[in-house]
Amino acid sequence: MPKLFLVEDNAADVDLLRLALQHAGVDCDLVVFTNGREVIDHILHNAGPSPQSVPELIILDLNLPKLEGLEVLRLIRDTPGFANVPVAVLSSSSSPRDRDKLSELRIAEYIVKPADLDEYLRIGETVQKLLQRGNSLTE
């Protein structure tokens, strides 16, 4: 069963993502972190080659408390064992400027949080495709 990290401070978005994964038939171990510091502490504590601690995908909100998503992404890319994990950014911002800031950090996907439930459910399909592509995103 694939392990996914979700870094999201909005409980409603966490619930919607769980629903989207279920709707797409994605059976996974979803580990939720509610702020940037929490996920970085976990990553730094578990850095290294241990396959149990490294997820197949990280879904990252940009607007996080305690440590912004962009800084979290930079730290992920600088951490051995996690540097090549595919990261999908899930953000309420559709700004090209935000996307441009992320291009150098090798994101797998930039997903704008939709306002419509049916569109939100399609995020599960996107996650499923990302899991199928696996680490080929960063090789």
N, C-alpha and C. Protein backbone atom coordinates (compact mmCIF):
# COMPACT_ATOMS: atom_id res chain seq x y z
N MET A 1 0.85 -1.17 0.00
CA MET A 1 0.00 0.00 0.00
C MET A 1 0.90 1.24 0.00
N PRO A 2 0.70 2.14 -0.94
CA PRO A 2 1.55 3.33 -1.00
C PRO A 2 1.29 4.27 0.19
N LYS A 3 2.35 4.94 0.60
CA LYS A 3 2.24 5.93 1.67
C LYS A 3 2.26 7.32 1.04
N LEU A 4 1.30 8.16 1.45
CA LEU A 4 1.23 9.54 1.00
C LEU A 4 1.31 10.45 2.22
N PHE A 5 2.06 11.53 2.08
CA PHE A 5 2.04 12.58 3.08
C PHE A 5 1.15 13.69 2.54
N LEU A 6 0.21 14.16 3.35
CA LEU A 6 -0.60 15.32 3.03
C LEU A 6 -0.26 16.39 4.05
N VAL A 7 0.20 17.53 3.56
CA VAL A 7 0.54 18.65 4.43
C VAL A 7 -0.51 19.73 4.17
N GLU A 8 -1.49 19.81 5.04
CA GLU A 8 -2.65 20.67 4.84
C GLU A 8 -3.23 21.08 6.19
N ASP A 9 -3.41 22.37 6.40
CA ASP A 9 -3.91 22.86 7.69
C ASP A 9 -5.42 23.01 7.74
N ASN A 10 -6.09 22.91 6.61
CA ASN A 10 -7.53 23.08 6.56
C ASN A 10 -8.21 21.71 6.65
N ALA A 11 -8.91 21.47 7.75
CA ALA A 11 -9.54 20.17 7.98
C ALA A 11 -10.54 19.81 6.89
N ALA A 12 -11.25 20.80 6.35
CA ALA A 12 -12.22 20.52 5.29
C ALA A 12 -11.51 20.03 4.03
N ASP A 13 -10.35 20.61 3.71
CA ASP A 13 -9.59 20.16 2.55
C ASP A 13 -9.02 18.75 2.77
N VAL A 14 -8.64 18.45 3.99
CA VAL A 14 -8.18 17.08 4.30
C VAL A 14 -9.32 16.09 4.05
N ASP A 15 -10.51 16.42 4.55
CA ASP A 15 -11.66 15.54 4.34
C ASP A 15 -12.00 15.40 2.86
N LEU A 16 -11.94 16.50 2.12
CA LEU A 16 -12.24 16.44 0.69
C LEU A 16 -11.20 15.61 -0.07
N LEU A 17 -9.94 15.71 0.33
CA LEU A 17 -8.92 14.92 -0.34
C LEU A 17 -9.11 13.43 -0.03
N ARG A 18 -9.43 13.13 1.21
CA ARG A 18 -9.72 11.72 1.55
C ARG A 18 -10.87 11.19 0.68
N LEU A 19 -11.90 11.99 0.53
CA LEU A 19 -13.05 11.61 -0.29
C LEU A 19 -12.63 11.44 -1.75
N ALA A 20 -11.79 12.33 -2.26
CA ALA A 20 -11.33 12.25 -3.64
C ALA A 20 -10.51 10.98 -3.86
N LEU A 21 -9.64 10.64 -2.91
CA LEU A 21 -8.85 9.42 -3.02
C LEU A 21 -9.75 8.19 -3.02
N GLN A 22 -10.73 8.18 -2.12
CA GLN A 22 -11.68 7.08 -2.04
C GLN A 22 -12.47 6.97 -3.35
N HIS A 23 -12.91 8.10 -3.85
CA HIS A 23 -13.69 8.14 -5.09
C HIS A 23 -12.91 7.57 -6.27
N ALA A 24 -11.59 7.79 -6.29
CA ALA A 24 -10.74 7.31 -7.38
C ALA A 24 -10.22 5.89 -7.12
N GLY A 25 -10.58 5.33 -5.97
CA GLY A 25 -10.14 3.97 -5.65
C GLY A 25 -8.68 3.89 -5.26
N VAL A 26 -8.14 4.98 -4.73
CA VAL A 26 -6.75 5.00 -4.29
C VAL A 26 -6.68 4.48 -2.86
N ASP A 27 -6.14 3.28 -2.71
CA ASP A 27 -5.97 2.68 -1.39
C ASP A 27 -4.57 3.02 -0.92
N CYS A 28 -4.46 3.85 0.09
CA CYS A 28 -3.15 4.30 0.53
C CYS A 28 -3.14 4.56 2.03
N ASP A 29 -1.93 4.67 2.55
CA ASP A 29 -1.73 5.08 3.92
C ASP A 29 -1.50 6.59 3.88
N LEU A 30 -2.52 7.37 4.24
CA LEU A 30 -2.45 8.83 4.19
C LEU A 30 -2.03 9.36 5.55
N VAL A 31 -0.86 9.98 5.59
CA VAL A 31 -0.33 10.57 6.81
C VAL A 31 -0.52 12.08 6.70
N VAL A 32 -1.28 12.67 7.62
CA VAL A 32 -1.62 14.08 7.55
C VAL A 32 -0.78 14.89 8.54
N PHE A 33 -0.22 15.98 8.03
CA PHE A 33 0.51 16.95 8.84
C PHE A 33 -0.22 18.28 8.69
N THR A 34 -0.42 18.98 9.81
CA THR A 34 -1.24 20.20 9.76
C THR A 34 -0.44 21.49 9.70
N ASN A 35 0.89 21.40 9.70
CA ASN A 35 1.69 22.60 9.50
C ASN A 35 3.07 22.21 8.95
N GLY A 36 3.77 23.20 8.45
CA GLY A 36 5.06 22.94 7.82
C GLY A 36 6.12 22.43 8.77
N ARG A 37 6.14 22.95 9.97
CA ARG A 37 7.15 22.53 10.95
C ARG A 37 6.97 21.06 11.30
N GLU A 38 5.73 20.63 11.45
CA GLU A 38 5.43 19.25 11.82
C GLU A 38 5.98 18.26 10.79
N VAL A 39 5.76 18.53 9.50
CA VAL A 39 6.25 17.60 8.47
C VAL A 39 7.76 17.65 8.37
N ILE A 40 8.37 18.81 8.50
CA ILE A 40 9.83 18.90 8.41
C ILE A 40 10.47 18.20 9.60
N ASP A 41 9.92 18.35 10.79
CA ASP A 41 10.44 17.63 11.95
C ASP A 41 10.39 16.12 11.70
N HIS A 42 9.29 15.66 11.13
CA HIS A 42 9.14 14.23 10.83
C HIS A 42 10.18 13.79 9.79
N ILE A 43 10.33 14.56 8.75
CA ILE A 43 11.27 14.22 7.68
C ILE A 43 12.70 14.21 8.20
N LEU A 44 13.08 15.22 8.94
CA LEU A 44 14.45 15.29 9.46
C LEU A 44 14.73 14.16 10.44
N HIS A 45 13.74 13.79 11.21
CA HIS A 45 13.88 12.69 12.17
C HIS A 45 14.03 11.34 11.44
N ASN A 46 13.41 11.24 10.26
CA ASN A 46 13.40 9.98 9.52
C ASN A 46 14.25 10.01 8.25
N ALA A 47 15.08 11.05 8.09
CA ALA A 47 15.90 11.16 6.88
C ALA A 47 16.83 9.96 6.77
N GLY A 48 17.05 9.55 5.55
CA GLY A 48 17.92 8.41 5.30
C GLY A 48 17.26 7.44 4.36
N PRO A 49 17.87 6.31 4.16
CA PRO A 49 17.38 5.38 3.14
C PRO A 49 16.24 4.45 3.58
N SER A 50 15.72 4.61 4.78
CA SER A 50 14.69 3.70 5.29
C SER A 50 13.41 3.79 4.46
N PRO A 51 13.04 2.72 3.76
CA PRO A 51 11.85 2.77 2.92
C PRO A 51 10.55 2.96 3.69
N GLN A 52 10.52 2.59 4.97
CA GLN A 52 9.27 2.74 5.74
C GLN A 52 8.91 4.21 5.98
N SER A 53 9.91 5.08 6.03
CA SER A 53 9.63 6.46 6.38
C SER A 53 9.45 7.37 5.18
N VAL A 54 9.77 6.89 3.98
CA VAL A 54 9.70 7.73 2.79
C VAL A 54 8.40 7.45 2.04
N PRO A 55 7.60 8.49 1.82
CA PRO A 55 6.33 8.27 1.09
C PRO A 55 6.56 8.18 -0.41
N GLU A 56 5.57 7.64 -1.10
CA GLU A 56 5.62 7.59 -2.56
C GLU A 56 5.25 8.95 -3.17
N LEU A 57 4.53 9.77 -2.39
CA LEU A 57 4.08 11.08 -2.88
C LEU A 57 3.82 11.98 -1.68
N ILE A 58 4.16 13.26 -1.85
CA ILE A 58 3.82 14.28 -0.86
C ILE A 58 2.88 15.27 -1.53
N ILE A 59 1.75 15.53 -0.89
CA ILE A 59 0.80 16.54 -1.36
C ILE A 59 0.93 17.71 -0.40
N LEU A 60 1.29 18.86 -0.93
CA LEU A 60 1.72 19.99 -0.11
C LEU A 60 0.92 21.25 -0.40
N ASP A 61 0.28 21.79 0.62
CA ASP A 61 -0.37 23.10 0.52
C ASP A 61 0.73 24.15 0.63
N LEU A 62 0.56 25.28 -0.04
CA LEU A 62 1.58 26.34 0.03
C LEU A 62 1.40 27.25 1.24
N ASN A 63 0.15 27.51 1.60
CA ASN A 63 -0.12 28.44 2.70
C ASN A 63 -0.32 27.66 3.99
N LEU A 64 0.79 27.52 4.71
CA LEU A 64 0.79 26.71 5.94
C LEU A 64 1.23 27.55 7.13
N PRO A 65 0.73 27.20 8.31
CA PRO A 65 1.25 27.85 9.51
C PRO A 65 2.61 27.29 9.90
N LYS A 66 3.37 28.04 10.62
CA LYS A 66 4.66 27.69 11.22
C LYS A 66 5.81 27.60 10.23
N LEU A 67 5.55 27.19 9.01
CA LEU A 67 6.59 27.14 7.98
C LEU A 67 5.87 27.06 6.64
N GLU A 68 6.08 28.06 5.79
CA GLU A 68 5.40 28.13 4.50
C GLU A 68 5.72 26.93 3.61
N GLY A 69 4.79 26.58 2.74
CA GLY A 69 4.95 25.44 1.85
C GLY A 69 6.17 25.52 0.96
N LEU A 70 6.51 26.71 0.47
CA LEU A 70 7.69 26.87 -0.39
C LEU A 70 8.96 26.49 0.37
N GLU A 71 9.05 26.91 1.61
CA GLU A 71 10.21 26.56 2.43
C GLU A 71 10.22 25.07 2.75
N VAL A 72 9.06 24.50 2.99
CA VAL A 72 8.97 23.05 3.22
C VAL A 72 9.49 22.31 2.00
N LEU A 73 9.07 22.75 0.82
CA LEU A 73 9.51 22.10 -0.41
C LEU A 73 11.03 22.21 -0.58
N ARG A 74 11.59 23.36 -0.29
CA ARG A 74 13.06 23.52 -0.37
C ARG A 74 13.77 22.55 0.58
N LEU A 75 13.25 22.43 1.79
CA LEU A 75 13.86 21.53 2.76
C LEU A 75 13.72 20.06 2.34
N ILE A 76 12.59 19.71 1.74
CA ILE A 76 12.40 18.34 1.24
C ILE A 76 13.46 18.06 0.18
N ARG A 77 13.65 18.98 -0.74
CA ARG A 77 14.61 18.78 -1.84
C ARG A 77 16.05 18.72 -1.34
N ASP A 78 16.32 19.27 -0.16
CA ASP A 78 17.67 19.26 0.41
C ASP A 78 17.91 18.12 1.38
N THR A 79 16.92 17.24 1.57
CA THR A 79 17.04 16.19 2.58
C THR A 79 17.26 14.83 1.92
N PRO A 80 18.41 14.20 2.20
CA PRO A 80 18.69 12.87 1.63
C PRO A 80 17.57 11.89 1.96
N GLY A 81 17.22 11.08 0.99
CA GLY A 81 16.16 10.11 1.17
C GLY A 81 14.79 10.66 0.79
N PHE A 82 14.63 11.98 0.86
CA PHE A 82 13.35 12.61 0.51
C PHE A 82 13.47 13.51 -0.71
N ALA A 83 14.69 13.82 -1.12
CA ALA A 83 14.93 14.80 -2.18
C ALA A 83 14.24 14.45 -3.50
N ASN A 84 14.09 13.18 -3.79
CA ASN A 84 13.49 12.77 -5.06
C ASN A 84 12.05 12.30 -4.95
N VAL A 85 11.44 12.48 -3.79
CA VAL A 85 10.03 12.11 -3.64
C VAL A 85 9.18 13.08 -4.47
N PRO A 86 8.29 12.57 -5.31
CA PRO A 86 7.41 13.46 -6.06
C PRO A 86 6.54 14.29 -5.11
N VAL A 87 6.41 15.58 -5.42
CA VAL A 87 5.59 16.48 -4.61
C VAL A 87 4.56 17.13 -5.52
N ALA A 88 3.30 17.01 -5.13
CA ALA A 88 2.21 17.70 -5.81
C ALA A 88 1.79 18.86 -4.91
N VAL A 89 1.81 20.05 -5.47
CA VAL A 89 1.39 21.22 -4.71
C VAL A 89 -0.11 21.39 -4.89
N LEU A 90 -0.80 21.53 -3.79
CA LEU A 90 -2.25 21.74 -3.76
C LEU A 90 -2.47 23.12 -3.16
N SER A 91 -2.93 24.06 -3.98
CA SER A 91 -3.00 25.45 -3.53
C SER A 91 -4.28 26.12 -3.99
N SER A 92 -4.71 27.10 -3.23
CA SER A 92 -5.86 27.90 -3.65
C SER A 92 -5.44 28.96 -4.67
N SER A 93 -4.14 29.15 -4.84
CA SER A 93 -3.63 30.17 -5.76
C SER A 93 -3.47 29.62 -7.17
N SER A 94 -3.96 30.37 -8.14
CA SER A 94 -3.75 30.01 -9.53
C SER A 94 -2.75 30.96 -10.18
N SER A 95 -2.02 31.69 -9.38
CA SER A 95 -1.08 32.69 -9.85
C SER A 95 0.10 32.08 -10.60
N PRO A 96 0.37 32.55 -11.81
CA PRO A 96 1.57 32.07 -12.52
C PRO A 96 2.85 32.36 -11.74
N ARG A 97 2.86 33.41 -10.98
CA ARG A 97 4.03 33.75 -10.17
C ARG A 97 4.32 32.65 -9.15
N ASP A 98 3.28 32.14 -8.50
CA ASP A 98 3.46 31.04 -7.54
C ASP A 98 4.00 29.80 -8.24
N ARG A 99 3.46 29.50 -9.42
CA ARG A 99 3.94 28.33 -10.18
C ARG A 99 5.39 28.50 -10.59
N ASP A 100 5.76 29.70 -11.01
CA ASP A 100 7.13 29.96 -11.45
C ASP A 100 8.12 29.77 -10.30
N LYS A 101 7.74 30.17 -9.10
CA LYS A 101 8.63 30.00 -7.94
C LYS A 101 8.92 28.53 -7.67
N LEU A 102 8.01 27.67 -8.07
CA LEU A 102 8.13 26.24 -7.79
C LEU A 102 8.86 25.45 -8.87
N SER A 103 9.01 26.03 -10.04
CA SER A 103 9.55 25.27 -11.18
C SER A 103 10.95 24.73 -10.90
N GLU A 104 11.78 25.48 -10.23
CA GLU A 104 13.14 25.02 -9.94
C GLU A 104 13.18 23.91 -8.89
N LEU A 105 12.09 23.70 -8.19
CA LEU A 105 12.04 22.72 -7.11
C LEU A 105 11.40 21.40 -7.54
N ARG A 106 11.26 21.21 -8.84
CA ARG A 106 10.85 19.93 -9.42
C ARG A 106 9.54 19.38 -8.85
N ILE A 107 8.49 20.15 -8.95
CA ILE A 107 7.21 19.61 -8.49
C ILE A 107 6.63 18.69 -9.56
N ALA A 108 5.90 17.71 -9.12
CA ALA A 108 5.29 16.74 -10.03
C ALA A 108 4.01 17.29 -10.65
N GLU A 109 3.30 18.11 -9.90
CA GLU A 109 2.01 18.62 -10.34
C GLU A 109 1.66 19.85 -9.51
N TYR A 110 0.98 20.80 -10.15
CA TYR A 110 0.44 21.96 -9.44
C TYR A 110 -1.07 21.87 -9.58
N ILE A 111 -1.75 21.67 -8.46
CA ILE A 111 -3.19 21.48 -8.46
C ILE A 111 -3.84 22.66 -7.75
N VAL A 112 -4.72 23.36 -8.47
CA VAL A 112 -5.46 24.46 -7.86
C VAL A 112 -6.69 23.87 -7.18
N LYS A 113 -6.89 24.23 -5.91
CA LYS A 113 -8.06 23.72 -5.17
C LYS A 113 -9.33 24.26 -5.83
N PRO A 114 -10.15 23.37 -6.35
CA PRO A 114 -11.38 23.82 -7.00
C PRO A 114 -12.47 24.13 -5.98
N ALA A 115 -13.41 24.96 -6.40
CA ALA A 115 -14.55 25.30 -5.55
C ALA A 115 -15.67 24.28 -5.70
N ASP A 116 -15.68 23.57 -6.80
CA ASP A 116 -16.73 22.61 -7.13
C ASP A 116 -16.36 21.21 -6.63
N LEU A 117 -17.31 20.52 -6.00
CA LEU A 117 -17.05 19.19 -5.44
C LEU A 117 -16.64 18.18 -6.51
N ASP A 118 -17.33 18.17 -7.65
CA ASP A 118 -16.98 17.22 -8.70
C ASP A 118 -15.54 17.43 -9.19
N GLU A 119 -15.13 18.68 -9.31
CA GLU A 119 -13.76 18.96 -9.71
C GLU A 119 -12.78 18.53 -8.62
N TYR A 120 -13.16 18.74 -7.39
CA TYR A 120 -12.28 18.33 -6.28
C TYR A 120 -12.09 16.81 -6.28
N LEU A 121 -13.14 16.09 -6.57
CA LEU A 121 -13.06 14.63 -6.60
C LEU A 121 -12.09 14.14 -7.68
N ARG A 122 -11.92 14.92 -8.74
CA ARG A 122 -10.98 14.55 -9.81
C ARG A 122 -9.52 14.59 -9.34
N ILE A 123 -9.26 15.26 -8.24
CA ILE A 123 -7.90 15.28 -7.70
C ILE A 123 -7.46 13.86 -7.35
N GLY A 124 -8.38 13.03 -6.94
CA GLY A 124 -8.05 11.64 -6.65
C GLY A 124 -7.49 10.93 -7.87
N GLU A 125 -8.05 11.20 -9.04
CA GLU A 125 -7.54 10.61 -10.28
C GLU A 125 -6.13 11.12 -10.59
N THR A 126 -5.90 12.40 -10.33
CA THR A 126 -4.56 12.97 -10.54
C THR A 126 -3.55 12.30 -9.62
N VAL A 127 -3.92 12.10 -8.38
CA VAL A 127 -3.03 11.43 -7.42
C VAL A 127 -2.76 10.01 -7.87
N GLN A 128 -3.79 9.33 -8.34
CA GLN A 128 -3.62 7.96 -8.82
C GLN A 128 -2.61 7.91 -9.97
N LYS A 129 -2.70 8.84 -10.91
CA LYS A 129 -1.75 8.90 -12.03
C LYS A 129 -0.34 9.19 -11.55
N LEU A 130 -0.22 10.08 -10.57
CA LEU A 130 1.11 10.39 -10.03
C LEU A 130 1.73 9.17 -9.36
N LEU A 131 0.92 8.41 -8.65
CA LEU A 131 1.42 7.18 -8.01
C LEU A 131 1.84 6.15 -9.05
N GLN A 132 1.10 6.09 -10.13
CA GLN A 132 1.45 5.14 -11.20
C GLN A 132 2.76 5.52 -11.88
N ARG A 133 2.99 6.83 -12.02
CA ARG A 133 4.25 7.28 -12.63
C ARG A 133 5.42 7.08 -11.70
N GLY A 134 5.15 7.16 -10.38
CA GLY A 134 6.17 6.92 -9.37
C GLY A 134 7.34 7.87 -9.44
N ASN A 135 8.49 7.37 -9.05
CA ASN A 135 9.68 8.20 -8.96
C ASN A 135 10.28 8.56 -10.31
N SER A 136 9.69 8.13 -11.39
CA SER A 136 10.20 8.50 -12.70
C SER A 136 10.08 10.01 -12.91
N LEU A 137 9.31 10.67 -12.06
CA LEU A 137 9.15 12.12 -12.17
C LEU A 137 10.45 12.85 -11.90
N THR A 138 11.27 12.30 -11.08
CA THR A 138 12.44 13.04 -10.65
C THR A 138 13.75 12.41 -11.12
N GLU A 139 13.68 11.38 -11.91
CA GLU A 139 14.91 10.72 -12.36
C GLU A 139 15.41 11.35 -13.65
